[in-house]
Amino acid sequence: MPFWINLITALVSALISAGFGVILIPWLKKLKAGAHILEIGPRWQKDKEGTPLMGGFMFILSTVFSSLLAYFLIQNYREHNFIDPPENALWKLIAGLAASLGFMLVGFADDYIKVVKKRNKGFDPKAKSVCQAVVVILYLLALHFLGNDTTVTFPIFGALDLGIFYYITMAVAIYGFVNAVNLTDGVDGLCGSVTLIYSASFTIIFALLGNWEYSAFATALAGGCLGFLVWNLHPAKVFMGDTGSMFLGGCVVAFGLASDLELLIPLVGIIYLIEAMSDVIQIGSYKLRHKRVFKMAPIHHHFELSGWSEYKIMFVFSAITLIGGILGVVAAAIYTH
């Protein structure tokens, strides 16, 4: 794909995301859509009480708009250079965006109940899980009808066709990783910076695979996260809320499935995996041994309580994601050659 299309996509997405904050944040303050900080967290987190929630709409709007803009730029380039587009390119892009927006709606319901209905617990957990499951099933059905490959491939180690078990495995993986991304959103700038690097890594991976549409999609999300970080770096002026983190989770899994290198999701998204596993370990340990492994879970709160600043957590976790991203790009390069 011509470099200028990626550049335009990233720039437009970043500008829309950052610029939208000028309008969205005052509006959220006017609606009194502020976050309620639970007493169980680190005591200094209470200072963030009332910070506007649902700021994820910044990168959601910018990602969707920029991805579709890039798609039409790519098609125009192909027409002028007599390059045939891949089969169902637009529908596969729409499937990924639709799934992400579906998860966003589930997150929005949670945020809406918290900040508008003033119910601190938000969306009922069982109802939330059911809604997420519906989005997962619809997304996998869409992929099936679009001719999705049921083979799981990892460079060097080969490939394995899972058949019907592919969809069962992916359903569990999608549900798990969407919620893992949600768990990562607990420190100013953390989820946005980690997802920025994840998206940038998949921008390169898709370029190596020749999947221009999804390379642009990943670029759009990276730009959107960059623009959002203008407002979300410590001290955060706005939080993405479940509205934003659920959308990011949808994008994270959509990239992995669209690449046909699904096992790159836990490699490039190693931080999401660590965050989720820390929660599982903490709960399991307390139920079995009545002892906690971490000072608090997910693990970013453990480091907070250990004296790490929010900036340090963000930079260290982002650096780990960068290492995973580099390894993912290397793996994709090996696969393509």
C-alpha atoms as a PDB file:
ATOM      1  CA  MET A   1       0.000   0.000   0.000  1.00  0.00           C
ATOM      2  CA  PRO A   2       1.307   3.479  -0.797  1.00  0.00           C
ATOM      3  CA  PHE A   3       2.791   5.052   2.315  1.00  0.00           C
ATOM      4  CA  TRP A   4       0.846   8.270   1.841  1.00  0.00           C
ATOM      5  CA  ILE A   5      -2.491   6.506   2.437  1.00  0.00           C
ATOM      6  CA  ASN A   6      -1.321   5.231   5.823  1.00  0.00           C
ATOM      7  CA  LEU A   7       0.081   8.653   6.647  1.00  0.00           C
ATOM      8  CA  ILE A   8      -3.167  10.437   5.757  1.00  0.00           C
ATOM      9  CA  THR A   9      -5.206   7.855   7.669  1.00  0.00           C
ATOM     10  CA  ALA A  10      -3.137   8.225  10.848  1.00  0.00           C
ATOM     11  CA  LEU A  11      -3.048  12.020  10.651  1.00  0.00           C
ATOM     12  CA  VAL A  12      -6.789  12.424  10.000  1.00  0.00           C
ATOM     13  CA  SER A  13      -7.670   9.972  12.761  1.00  0.00           C
ATOM     14  CA  ALA A  14      -5.362  11.651  15.307  1.00  0.00           C
ATOM     15  CA  LEU A  15      -6.680  15.130  14.485  1.00  0.00           C
ATOM     16  CA  ILE A  16     -10.333  14.064  14.663  1.00  0.00           C
ATOM     17  CA  SER A  17      -9.773  12.228  17.943  1.00  0.00           C
ATOM     18  CA  ALA A  18      -7.867  15.069  19.624  1.00  0.00           C
ATOM     19  CA  GLY A  19     -10.103  17.759  18.126  1.00  0.00           C
ATOM     20  CA  PHE A  20     -13.309  16.041  19.159  1.00  0.00           C
ATOM     21  CA  GLY A  21     -12.136  16.257  22.756  1.00  0.00           C
ATOM     22  CA  VAL A  22     -12.557  20.034  22.647  1.00  0.00           C
ATOM     23  CA  ILE A  23     -16.302  19.492  22.115  1.00  0.00           C
ATOM     24  CA  LEU A  24     -16.890  16.191  23.916  1.00  0.00           C
ATOM     25  CA  ILE A  25     -15.235  16.861  27.281  1.00  0.00           C
ATOM     26  CA  PRO A  26     -17.195  20.058  28.115  1.00  0.00           C
ATOM     27  CA  TRP A  27     -20.381  18.315  26.976  1.00  0.00           C
ATOM     28  CA  LEU A  28     -19.708  15.316  29.238  1.00  0.00           C
ATOM     29  CA  LYS A  29     -19.010  17.701  32.127  1.00  0.00           C
ATOM     30  CA  LYS A  30     -22.288  19.466  31.438  1.00  0.00           C
ATOM     31  CA  LEU A  31     -24.086  16.125  31.579  1.00  0.00           C
ATOM     32  CA  LYS A  32     -22.200  15.380  34.816  1.00  0.00           C
ATOM     33  CA  ALA A  33     -21.051  12.129  33.232  1.00  0.00           C
ATOM     34  CA  GLY A  34     -18.214  11.744  35.695  1.00  0.00           C
ATOM     35  CA  ALA A  35     -16.533   8.581  36.896  1.00  0.00           C
ATOM     36  CA  HIS A  36     -17.211   7.238  40.368  1.00  0.00           C
ATOM     37  CA  ILE A  37     -14.056   5.839  41.936  1.00  0.00           C
ATOM     38  CA  LEU A  38     -14.635   2.839  44.209  1.00  0.00           C
ATOM     39  CA  GLU A  39     -13.166   2.831  47.715  1.00  0.00           C
ATOM     40  CA  ILE A  40     -11.387  -0.498  47.082  1.00  0.00           C
ATOM     41  CA  GLY A  41      -8.794   1.122  44.796  1.00  0.00           C
ATOM     42  CA  PRO A  42      -5.611   3.018  45.740  1.00  0.00           C
ATOM     43  CA  ARG A  43      -6.607   5.995  47.919  1.00  0.00           C
ATOM     44  CA  TRP A  44      -5.063   8.569  45.562  1.00  0.00           C
ATOM     45  CA  GLN A  45      -7.369   7.386  42.782  1.00  0.00           C
ATOM     46  CA  LYS A  46     -10.207   9.156  44.644  1.00  0.00           C
ATOM     47  CA  ASP A  47      -8.747  12.427  43.343  1.00  0.00           C
ATOM     48  CA  LYS A  48     -10.059  11.383  39.913  1.00  0.00           C
ATOM     49  CA  GLU A  49     -13.649  11.361  41.125  1.00  0.00           C
ATOM     50  CA  GLY A  50     -15.878  13.135  38.610  1.00  0.00           C
ATOM     51  CA  THR A  51     -13.473  12.926  35.651  1.00  0.00           C
ATOM     52  CA  PRO A  52     -15.670  12.663  32.524  1.00  0.00           C
ATOM     53  CA  LEU A  53     -16.328   9.133  31.329  1.00  0.00           C
ATOM     54  CA  MET A  54     -17.069   7.836  27.795  1.00  0.00           C
ATOM     55  CA  GLY A  55     -14.199   9.748  26.192  1.00  0.00           C
ATOM     56  CA  GLY A  56     -13.678   6.682  24.005  1.00  0.00           C
ATOM     57  CA  PHE A  57     -16.084   8.259  21.537  1.00  0.00           C
ATOM     58  CA  MET A  58     -13.080  10.350  20.419  1.00  0.00           C
ATOM     59  CA  PHE A  59     -11.159   7.451  18.898  1.00  0.00           C
ATOM     60  CA  ILE A  60     -14.299   5.513  17.965  1.00  0.00           C
ATOM     61  CA  LEU A  61     -15.466   8.301  15.665  1.00  0.00           C
ATOM     62  CA  SER A  62     -11.990   8.907  14.262  1.00  0.00           C
ATOM     63  CA  THR A  63     -11.271   5.203  13.665  1.00  0.00           C
ATOM     64  CA  VAL A  64     -14.519   4.467  11.840  1.00  0.00           C
ATOM     65  CA  PHE A  65     -14.330   7.594   9.675  1.00  0.00           C
ATOM     66  CA  SER A  66     -10.620   7.238   8.849  1.00  0.00           C
ATOM     67  CA  SER A  67     -10.886   3.504   8.107  1.00  0.00           C
ATOM     68  CA  LEU A  68     -13.679   4.077   5.572  1.00  0.00           C
ATOM     69  CA  LEU A  69     -11.866   7.081   4.092  1.00  0.00           C
ATOM     70  CA  ALA A  70      -8.740   4.929   3.670  1.00  0.00           C
ATOM     71  CA  TYR A  71     -10.795   2.156   2.064  1.00  0.00           C
ATOM     72  CA  PHE A  72     -12.011   4.493  -0.679  1.00  0.00           C
ATOM     73  CA  LEU A  73      -8.503   5.907  -1.180  1.00  0.00           C
ATOM     74  CA  ILE A  74      -7.192   2.358  -1.558  1.00  0.00           C
ATOM     75  CA  GLN A  75      -9.899   1.445  -4.077  1.00  0.00           C
ATOM     76  CA  ASN A  76      -9.147   4.577  -6.077  1.00  0.00           C
ATOM     77  CA  TYR A  77      -5.450   3.707  -6.103  1.00  0.00           C
ATOM     78  CA  ARG A  78      -6.210   0.159  -7.254  1.00  0.00           C
ATOM     79  CA  GLU A  79      -8.453   1.375 -10.088  1.00  0.00           C
ATOM     80  CA  HIS A  80      -5.794   3.735 -11.397  1.00  0.00           C
ATOM     81  CA  ASN A  81      -3.111   1.058 -11.169  1.00  0.00           C
ATOM     82  CA  PHE A  82      -5.241  -1.833 -12.456  1.00  0.00           C
ATOM     83  CA  ILE A  83      -4.920  -3.841  -9.233  1.00  0.00           C
ATOM     84  CA  ASP A  84      -7.757  -6.203  -8.403  1.00  0.00           C
ATOM     85  CA  PRO A  85      -9.120  -5.873  -4.846  1.00  0.00           C
ATOM     86  CA  PRO A  86      -9.223  -8.989  -2.649  1.00  0.00           C
ATOM     87  CA  GLU A  87     -12.533 -10.822  -2.371  1.00  0.00           C
ATOM     88  CA  ASN A  88     -15.016  -9.340   0.123  1.00  0.00           C
ATOM     89  CA  ALA A  89     -12.490  -6.721   1.248  1.00  0.00           C
ATOM     90  CA  LEU A  90     -15.151  -4.169   2.156  1.00  0.00           C
ATOM     91  CA  TRP A  91     -17.388  -6.700   3.908  1.00  0.00           C
ATOM     92  CA  LYS A  92     -14.502  -8.042   5.972  1.00  0.00           C
ATOM     93  CA  LEU A  93     -13.619  -4.500   7.008  1.00  0.00           C
ATOM     94  CA  ILE A  94     -17.242  -3.792   7.902  1.00  0.00           C
ATOM     95  CA  ALA A  95     -17.426  -7.046   9.899  1.00  0.00           C
ATOM     96  CA  GLY A  96     -14.452  -6.003  12.025  1.00  0.00           C
ATOM     97  CA  LEU A  97     -15.790  -2.480  12.556  1.00  0.00           C
ATOM     98  CA  ALA A  98     -19.310  -3.763  13.272  1.00  0.00           C
ATOM     99  CA  ALA A  99     -18.050  -6.233  15.889  1.00  0.00           C
ATOM    100  CA  SER A 100     -16.035  -3.473  17.565  1.00  0.00           C
ATOM    101  CA  LEU A 101     -19.068  -1.179  17.565  1.00  0.00           C
ATOM    102  CA  GLY A 102     -21.175  -4.024  18.949  1.00  0.00           C
ATOM    103  CA  PHE A 103     -18.824  -4.391  21.902  1.00  0.00           C
ATOM    104  CA  MET A 104     -18.833  -0.593  22.219  1.00  0.00           C
ATOM    105  CA  LEU A 105     -22.626  -0.639  22.681  1.00  0.00           C
ATOM    106  CA  VAL A 106     -22.274  -3.148  25.510  1.00  0.00           C
ATOM    107  CA  GLY A 107     -19.681  -0.898  27.142  1.00  0.00           C
ATOM    108  CA  PHE A 108     -21.831   2.176  26.572  1.00  0.00           C
ATOM    109  CA  ALA A 109     -24.748   0.499  28.368  1.00  0.00           C
ATOM    110  CA  ASP A 110     -22.441  -0.074  31.338  1.00  0.00           C
ATOM    111  CA  ASP A 111     -21.213   3.539  31.360  1.00  0.00           C
ATOM    112  CA  TYR A 112     -24.718   4.931  30.872  1.00  0.00           C
ATOM    113  CA  ILE A 113     -26.072   3.029  33.853  1.00  0.00           C
ATOM    114  CA  LYS A 114     -23.156   4.205  35.995  1.00  0.00           C
ATOM    115  CA  VAL A 115     -23.126   7.912  35.147  1.00  0.00           C
ATOM    116  CA  VAL A 116     -26.718   8.654  34.121  1.00  0.00           C
ATOM    117  CA  LYS A 117     -28.691   6.187  36.210  1.00  0.00           C
ATOM    118  CA  LYS A 118     -26.159   6.645  39.049  1.00  0.00           C
ATOM    119  CA  ARG A 119     -25.890   2.904  39.699  1.00  0.00           C
ATOM    120  CA  ASN A 120     -22.252   2.295  40.613  1.00  0.00           C
ATOM    121  CA  LYS A 121     -22.216  -1.407  39.701  1.00  0.00           C
ATOM    122  CA  GLY A 122     -23.256  -0.620  36.131  1.00  0.00           C
ATOM    123  CA  PHE A 123     -24.613  -3.210  33.741  1.00  0.00           C
ATOM    124  CA  ASP A 124     -25.617  -6.503  35.369  1.00  0.00           C
ATOM    125  CA  PRO A 125     -22.585  -8.823  34.842  1.00  0.00           C
ATOM    126  CA  LYS A 126     -24.689 -11.731  33.565  1.00  0.00           C
ATOM    127  CA  ALA A 127     -26.612  -9.548  31.122  1.00  0.00           C
ATOM    128  CA  LYS A 128     -23.346  -7.964  30.019  1.00  0.00           C
ATOM    129  CA  SER A 129     -21.809 -11.365  29.317  1.00  0.00           C
ATOM    130  CA  VAL A 130     -24.878 -12.459  27.360  1.00  0.00           C
ATOM    131  CA  CYS A 131     -24.720  -9.321  25.205  1.00  0.00           C
ATOM    132  CA  GLN A 132     -21.011  -9.856  24.579  1.00  0.00           C
ATOM    133  CA  ALA A 133     -21.700 -13.479  23.628  1.00  0.00           C
ATOM    134  CA  VAL A 134     -24.303 -12.341  21.093  1.00  0.00           C
ATOM    135  CA  VAL A 135     -21.773  -9.986  19.470  1.00  0.00           C
ATOM    136  CA  VAL A 136     -19.171 -12.786  19.398  1.00  0.00           C
ATOM    137  CA  ILE A 137     -21.581 -15.234  17.742  1.00  0.00           C
ATOM    138  CA  LEU A 138     -22.749 -12.716  15.138  1.00  0.00           C
ATOM    139  CA  TYR A 139     -19.154 -11.761  14.328  1.00  0.00           C
ATOM    140  CA  LEU A 140     -18.050 -15.374  13.891  1.00  0.00           C
ATOM    141  CA  LEU A 141     -21.111 -16.095  11.735  1.00  0.00           C
ATOM    142  CA  ALA A 142     -20.210 -13.131   9.537  1.00  0.00           C
ATOM    143  CA  LEU A 143     -16.637 -14.407   9.169  1.00  0.00           C
ATOM    144  CA  HIS A 144     -17.926 -17.875   8.312  1.00  0.00           C
ATOM    145  CA  PHE A 145     -20.144 -16.586   5.515  1.00  0.00           C
ATOM    146  CA  LEU A 146     -17.279 -14.429   4.240  1.00  0.00           C
ATOM    147  CA  GLY A 147     -15.166 -17.569   3.784  1.00  0.00           C
ATOM    148  CA  ASN A 148     -13.026 -17.375   6.889  1.00  0.00           C
ATOM    149  CA  ASP A 149     -10.212 -19.935   7.105  1.00  0.00           C
ATOM    150  CA  THR A 150     -10.509 -22.303  10.084  1.00  0.00           C
ATOM    151  CA  THR A 151      -6.784 -22.999  10.108  1.00  0.00           C
ATOM    152  CA  VAL A 152      -4.747 -21.573  12.969  1.00  0.00           C
ATOM    153  CA  THR A 153      -1.274 -20.640  11.755  1.00  0.00           C
ATOM    154  CA  PHE A 154       1.820 -19.630  13.639  1.00  0.00           C
ATOM    155  CA  PRO A 155       5.070 -18.955  11.792  1.00  0.00           C
ATOM    156  CA  ILE A 156       7.788 -21.586  12.254  1.00  0.00           C
ATOM    157  CA  PHE A 157       5.474 -24.041  14.066  1.00  0.00           C
ATOM    158  CA  GLY A 158       3.131 -24.630  11.127  1.00  0.00           C
ATOM    159  CA  ALA A 159      -0.652 -24.729  10.815  1.00  0.00           C
ATOM    160  CA  LEU A 160      -3.558 -26.771  12.133  1.00  0.00           C
ATOM    161  CA  ASP A 161      -7.083 -26.877  10.717  1.00  0.00           C
ATOM    162  CA  LEU A 162      -9.446 -26.898  13.709  1.00  0.00           C
ATOM    163  CA  GLY A 163     -12.664 -27.158  11.700  1.00  0.00           C
ATOM    164  CA  ILE A 164     -15.724 -26.441  13.833  1.00  0.00           C
ATOM    165  CA  PHE A 165     -13.501 -26.231  16.929  1.00  0.00           C
ATOM    166  CA  TYR A 166     -11.953 -23.092  15.425  1.00  0.00           C
ATOM    167  CA  TYR A 167     -15.159 -21.163  16.127  1.00  0.00           C
ATOM    168  CA  ILE A 168     -15.453 -22.525  19.655  1.00  0.00           C
ATOM    169  CA  THR A 169     -11.837 -21.651  20.392  1.00  0.00           C
ATOM    170  CA  MET A 170     -12.139 -18.202  18.844  1.00  0.00           C
ATOM    171  CA  ALA A 171     -15.382 -17.493  20.720  1.00  0.00           C
ATOM    172  CA  VAL A 172     -13.595 -18.074  24.026  1.00  0.00           C
ATOM    173  CA  ALA A 173     -10.539 -16.098  22.883  1.00  0.00           C
ATOM    174  CA  ILE A 174     -12.596 -13.131  21.663  1.00  0.00           C
ATOM    175  CA  TYR A 175     -14.632 -12.953  24.853  1.00  0.00           C
ATOM    176  CA  GLY A 176     -11.485 -13.249  26.963  1.00  0.00           C
ATOM    177  CA  PHE A 177      -9.412 -10.661  25.143  1.00  0.00           C
ATOM    178  CA  VAL A 178     -12.177  -8.082  24.836  1.00  0.00           C
ATOM    179  CA  ASN A 179     -12.539  -8.187  28.617  1.00  0.00           C
ATOM    180  CA  ALA A 180      -8.765  -8.269  29.077  1.00  0.00           C
ATOM    181  CA  VAL A 181      -8.473  -4.974  27.184  1.00  0.00           C
ATOM    182  CA  ASN A 182     -11.197  -3.602  29.446  1.00  0.00           C
ATOM    183  CA  LEU A 183      -9.181  -4.633  32.514  1.00  0.00           C
ATOM    184  CA  THR A 184      -6.117  -2.823  31.146  1.00  0.00           C
ATOM    185  CA  ASP A 185      -7.962   0.493  31.347  1.00  0.00           C
ATOM    186  CA  GLY A 186      -7.143   1.365  34.944  1.00  0.00           C
ATOM    187  CA  VAL A 187      -4.274   3.853  34.850  1.00  0.00           C
ATOM    188  CA  ASP A 188      -4.098   7.152  32.985  1.00  0.00           C
ATOM    189  CA  GLY A 189      -2.820   6.604  29.450  1.00  0.00           C
ATOM    190  CA  LEU A 190      -2.234   2.867  29.902  1.00  0.00           C
ATOM    191  CA  CYS A 191      -4.832   1.220  27.661  1.00  0.00           C
ATOM    192  CA  GLY A 192      -4.497   3.944  25.026  1.00  0.00           C
ATOM    193  CA  SER A 193      -0.700   3.691  24.796  1.00  0.00           C
ATOM    194  CA  VAL A 194      -0.637  -0.129  24.809  1.00  0.00           C
ATOM    195  CA  THR A 195      -3.315  -0.272  22.100  1.00  0.00           C
ATOM    196  CA  LEU A 196      -1.497   2.398  20.083  1.00  0.00           C
ATOM    197  CA  ILE A 197       1.569   0.147  19.922  1.00  0.00           C
ATOM    198  CA  TYR A 198      -0.548  -2.959  19.300  1.00  0.00           C
ATOM    199  CA  SER A 199      -2.279  -1.218  16.385  1.00  0.00           C
ATOM    200  CA  ALA A 200       0.959   0.139  14.955  1.00  0.00           C
ATOM    201  CA  SER A 201       2.412  -3.373  15.049  1.00  0.00           C
ATOM    202  CA  PHE A 202      -0.562  -4.779  13.167  1.00  0.00           C
ATOM    203  CA  THR A 203      -0.304  -1.928  10.658  1.00  0.00           C
ATOM    204  CA  ILE A 204       3.073  -3.376   9.668  1.00  0.00           C
ATOM    205  CA  ILE A 205       1.890  -6.990   9.939  1.00  0.00           C
ATOM    206  CA  PHE A 206      -1.038  -6.358   7.581  1.00  0.00           C
ATOM    207  CA  ALA A 207       1.270  -4.514   5.187  1.00  0.00           C
ATOM    208  CA  LEU A 208       3.533  -7.573   5.079  1.00  0.00           C
ATOM    209  CA  LEU A 209       0.473  -9.759   4.436  1.00  0.00           C
ATOM    210  CA  GLY A 210      -0.730  -7.459   1.663  1.00  0.00           C
ATOM    211  CA  ASN A 211      -3.995  -6.723   3.494  1.00  0.00           C
ATOM    212  CA  TRP A 212      -4.231  -3.013   2.742  1.00  0.00           C
ATOM    213  CA  GLU A 213      -7.721  -2.483   4.139  1.00  0.00           C
ATOM    214  CA  TYR A 214      -6.864  -3.808   7.585  1.00  0.00           C
ATOM    215  CA  SER A 215      -3.482  -2.110   7.569  1.00  0.00           C
ATOM    216  CA  ALA A 216      -5.386   1.160   7.192  1.00  0.00           C
ATOM    217  CA  PHE A 217      -7.890   0.100   9.878  1.00  0.00           C
ATOM    218  CA  ALA A 218      -5.026  -0.546  12.286  1.00  0.00           C
ATOM    219  CA  THR A 219      -3.407   2.760  11.324  1.00  0.00           C
ATOM    220  CA  ALA A 220      -6.690   4.584  11.953  1.00  0.00           C
ATOM    221  CA  LEU A 221      -6.964   3.062  15.431  1.00  0.00           C
ATOM    222  CA  ALA A 222      -3.347   3.938  16.227  1.00  0.00           C
ATOM    223  CA  GLY A 223      -3.977   7.545  15.172  1.00  0.00           C
ATOM    224  CA  GLY A 224      -7.190   7.631  17.186  1.00  0.00           C
ATOM    225  CA  CYS A 225      -5.418   6.392  20.306  1.00  0.00           C
ATOM    226  CA  LEU A 226      -2.680   8.990  19.811  1.00  0.00           C
ATOM    227  CA  GLY A 227      -5.244  11.782  19.626  1.00  0.00           C
ATOM    228  CA  PHE A 228      -7.040  10.435  22.691  1.00  0.00           C
ATOM    229  CA  LEU A 229      -3.814  10.370  24.710  1.00  0.00           C
ATOM    230  CA  VAL A 230      -3.647  14.163  24.364  1.00  0.00           C
ATOM    231  CA  TRP A 231      -6.507  14.199  26.879  1.00  0.00           C
ATOM    232  CA  ASN A 232      -5.887  10.931  28.743  1.00  0.00           C
ATOM    233  CA  LEU A 233      -2.252  11.172  29.833  1.00  0.00           C
ATOM    234  CA  HIS A 234      -1.775  11.713  33.557  1.00  0.00           C
ATOM    235  CA  PRO A 235      -3.493  13.695  34.960  1.00  0.00           C
ATOM    236  CA  ALA A 236      -6.333  12.531  32.704  1.00  0.00           C
ATOM    237  CA  LYS A 237      -8.905  15.083  31.578  1.00  0.00           C
ATOM    238  CA  VAL A 238     -11.204  12.269  30.436  1.00  0.00           C
ATOM    239  CA  PHE A 239     -11.508   8.476  30.687  1.00  0.00           C
ATOM    240  CA  MET A 240     -12.385   6.204  27.776  1.00  0.00           C
ATOM    241  CA  GLY A 241     -14.869   4.241  29.900  1.00  0.00           C
ATOM    242  CA  ASP A 242     -16.157   0.804  28.979  1.00  0.00           C
ATOM    243  CA  THR A 243     -17.499   2.484  25.841  1.00  0.00           C
ATOM    244  CA  GLY A 244     -13.945   2.964  24.644  1.00  0.00           C
ATOM    245  CA  SER A 245     -12.203  -0.069  26.121  1.00  0.00           C
ATOM    246  CA  MET A 246     -14.801  -2.489  24.730  1.00  0.00           C
ATOM    247  CA  PHE A 247     -14.410  -0.930  21.288  1.00  0.00           C
ATOM    248  CA  LEU A 248     -10.637  -1.297  21.549  1.00  0.00           C
ATOM    249  CA  GLY A 249     -11.085  -4.921  22.604  1.00  0.00           C
ATOM    250  CA  GLY A 250     -13.193  -5.571  19.514  1.00  0.00           C
ATOM    251  CA  CYS A 251     -10.523  -4.040  17.292  1.00  0.00           C
ATOM    252  CA  VAL A 252      -7.764  -6.036  18.998  1.00  0.00           C
ATOM    253  CA  VAL A 253      -9.418  -9.376  18.261  1.00  0.00           C
ATOM    254  CA  ALA A 254     -10.586  -8.288  14.788  1.00  0.00           C
ATOM    255  CA  PHE A 255      -6.975  -7.599  13.785  1.00  0.00           C
ATOM    256  CA  GLY A 256      -5.868 -11.041  14.922  1.00  0.00           C
ATOM    257  CA  LEU A 257      -8.643 -12.897  13.116  1.00  0.00           C
ATOM    258  CA  ALA A 258      -8.328 -10.850   9.929  1.00  0.00           C
ATOM    259  CA  SER A 259      -4.604 -11.577   9.745  1.00  0.00           C
ATOM    260  CA  ASP A 260      -5.191 -15.379   9.860  1.00  0.00           C
ATOM    261  CA  LEU A 261      -2.370 -15.330  12.414  1.00  0.00           C
ATOM    262  CA  GLU A 262      -4.592 -15.517  15.467  1.00  0.00           C
ATOM    263  CA  LEU A 263      -1.790 -16.608  17.774  1.00  0.00           C
ATOM    264  CA  LEU A 264      -0.199 -13.196  17.324  1.00  0.00           C
ATOM    265  CA  ILE A 265      -2.971 -11.731  19.503  1.00  0.00           C
ATOM    266  CA  PRO A 266      -1.485 -13.002  22.803  1.00  0.00           C
ATOM    267  CA  LEU A 267       2.041 -12.275  21.558  1.00  0.00           C
ATOM    268  CA  VAL A 268       1.549  -8.662  20.494  1.00  0.00           C
ATOM    269  CA  GLY A 269      -1.153  -8.226  23.144  1.00  0.00           C
ATOM    270  CA  ILE A 270       0.964  -9.747  25.900  1.00  0.00           C
ATOM    271  CA  ILE A 271      -0.001  -6.983  28.353  1.00  0.00           C
ATOM    272  CA  TYR A 272      -3.709  -7.705  27.917  1.00  0.00           C
ATOM    273  CA  LEU A 273      -2.980 -11.355  28.669  1.00  0.00           C
ATOM    274  CA  ILE A 274      -0.908 -10.509  31.752  1.00  0.00           C
ATOM    275  CA  GLU A 275      -3.613  -8.177  33.070  1.00  0.00           C
ATOM    276  CA  ALA A 276      -6.315 -10.822  32.673  1.00  0.00           C
ATOM    277  CA  MET A 277      -4.198 -13.623  34.125  1.00  0.00           C
ATOM    278  CA  SER A 278      -3.286 -11.517  37.162  1.00  0.00           C
ATOM    279  CA  ASP A 279      -6.999 -11.146  37.882  1.00  0.00           C
ATOM    280  CA  VAL A 280      -7.609 -14.895  37.447  1.00  0.00           C
ATOM    281  CA  ILE A 281      -4.638 -15.778  39.654  1.00  0.00           C
ATOM    282  CA  GLN A 282      -5.700 -13.323  42.366  1.00  0.00           C
ATOM    283  CA  ILE A 283      -9.283 -14.598  42.489  1.00  0.00           C
ATOM    284  CA  GLY A 284      -8.224 -18.248  42.301  1.00  0.00           C
ATOM    285  CA  SER A 285      -5.636 -17.863  45.024  1.00  0.00           C
ATOM    286  CA  TYR A 286      -8.032 -16.107  47.370  1.00  0.00           C
ATOM    287  CA  LYS A 287     -10.771 -18.693  46.863  1.00  0.00           C
ATOM    288  CA  LEU A 288      -8.434 -21.671  47.287  1.00  0.00           C
ATOM    289  CA  ARG A 289      -5.915 -20.381  49.834  1.00  0.00           C
ATOM    290  CA  HIS A 290      -7.581 -17.250  51.260  1.00  0.00           C
ATOM    291  CA  LYS A 291      -4.370 -15.443  50.350  1.00  0.00           C
ATOM    292  CA  ARG A 292      -3.671 -12.783  47.728  1.00  0.00           C
ATOM    293  CA  VAL A 293      -0.733 -13.090  45.321  1.00  0.00           C
ATOM    294  CA  PHE A 294      -0.773  -9.392  44.399  1.00  0.00           C
ATOM    295  CA  LYS A 295      -1.406  -6.316  46.514  1.00  0.00           C
ATOM    296  CA  MET A 296      -4.295  -5.653  44.168  1.00  0.00           C
ATOM    297  CA  ALA A 297      -5.419  -6.927  40.775  1.00  0.00           C
ATOM    298  CA  PRO A 298      -5.292  -6.314  37.859  1.00  0.00           C
ATOM    299  CA  ILE A 299      -1.533  -6.127  38.054  1.00  0.00           C
ATOM    300  CA  HIS A 300      -1.167  -2.421  37.210  1.00  0.00           C
ATOM    301  CA  HIS A 301      -2.761  -1.670  40.608  1.00  0.00           C
ATOM    302  CA  HIS A 302      -0.189  -3.945  42.259  1.00  0.00           C
ATOM    303  CA  PHE A 303       2.571  -1.742  40.850  1.00  0.00           C
ATOM    304  CA  GLU A 304       0.667   1.399  41.863  1.00  0.00           C
ATOM    305  CA  LEU A 305       0.538   0.174  45.444  1.00  0.00           C
ATOM    306  CA  SER A 306       4.234  -0.725  45.172  1.00  0.00           C
ATOM    307  CA  GLY A 307       5.072   2.922  44.545  1.00  0.00           C
ATOM    308  CA  TRP A 308       5.218   3.101  40.763  1.00  0.00           C
ATOM    309  CA  SER A 309       3.943   6.304  39.209  1.00  0.00           C
ATOM    310  CA  GLU A 310       1.237   6.113  36.557  1.00  0.00           C
ATOM    311  CA  TYR A 311       3.745   7.299  33.956  1.00  0.00           C
ATOM    312  CA  LYS A 312       6.178   4.534  34.899  1.00  0.00           C
ATOM    313  CA  ILE A 313       3.487   1.880  34.619  1.00  0.00           C
ATOM    314  CA  MET A 314       2.420   3.244  31.235  1.00  0.00           C
ATOM    315  CA  PHE A 315       5.969   3.342  29.856  1.00  0.00           C
ATOM    316  CA  VAL A 316       7.017  -0.091  31.163  1.00  0.00           C
ATOM    317  CA  PHE A 317       3.849  -1.795  29.957  1.00  0.00           C
ATOM    318  CA  SER A 318       4.125  -0.016  26.603  1.00  0.00           C
ATOM    319  CA  ALA A 319       7.762  -1.136  26.285  1.00  0.00           C
ATOM    320  CA  ILE A 320       6.710  -4.747  26.888  1.00  0.00           C
ATOM    321  CA  THR A 321       4.014  -4.355  24.229  1.00  0.00           C
ATOM    322  CA  LEU A 322       6.614  -2.935  21.848  1.00  0.00           C
ATOM    323  CA  ILE A 323       8.777  -6.029  22.330  1.00  0.00           C
ATOM    324  CA  GLY A 324       5.756  -8.229  21.649  1.00  0.00           C
ATOM    325  CA  GLY A 325       4.960  -6.111  18.594  1.00  0.00           C
ATOM    326  CA  ILE A 326       8.467  -6.465  17.189  1.00  0.00           C
ATOM    327  CA  LEU A 327       8.337 -10.223  17.685  1.00  0.00           C
ATOM    328  CA  GLY A 328       4.935 -10.283  15.988  1.00  0.00           C
ATOM    329  CA  VAL A 329       6.234  -8.368  12.978  1.00  0.00           C
ATOM    330  CA  VAL A 330       9.235 -10.709  12.732  1.00  0.00           C
ATOM    331  CA  ALA A 331       6.919 -13.729  12.917  1.00  0.00           C
ATOM    332  CA  ALA A 332       4.697 -12.287  10.157  1.00  0.00           C
ATOM    333  CA  ALA A 333       7.770 -11.555   8.004  1.00  0.00           C
ATOM    334  CA  ILE A 334       8.908 -15.173   8.394  1.00  0.00           C
ATOM    335  CA  TYR A 335       5.413 -16.384   7.496  1.00  0.00           C
ATOM    336  CA  THR A 336       5.245 -14.291   4.323  1.00  0.00           C
ATOM    337  CA  HIS A 337       8.612 -15.569   3.149  1.00  0.00           C
END
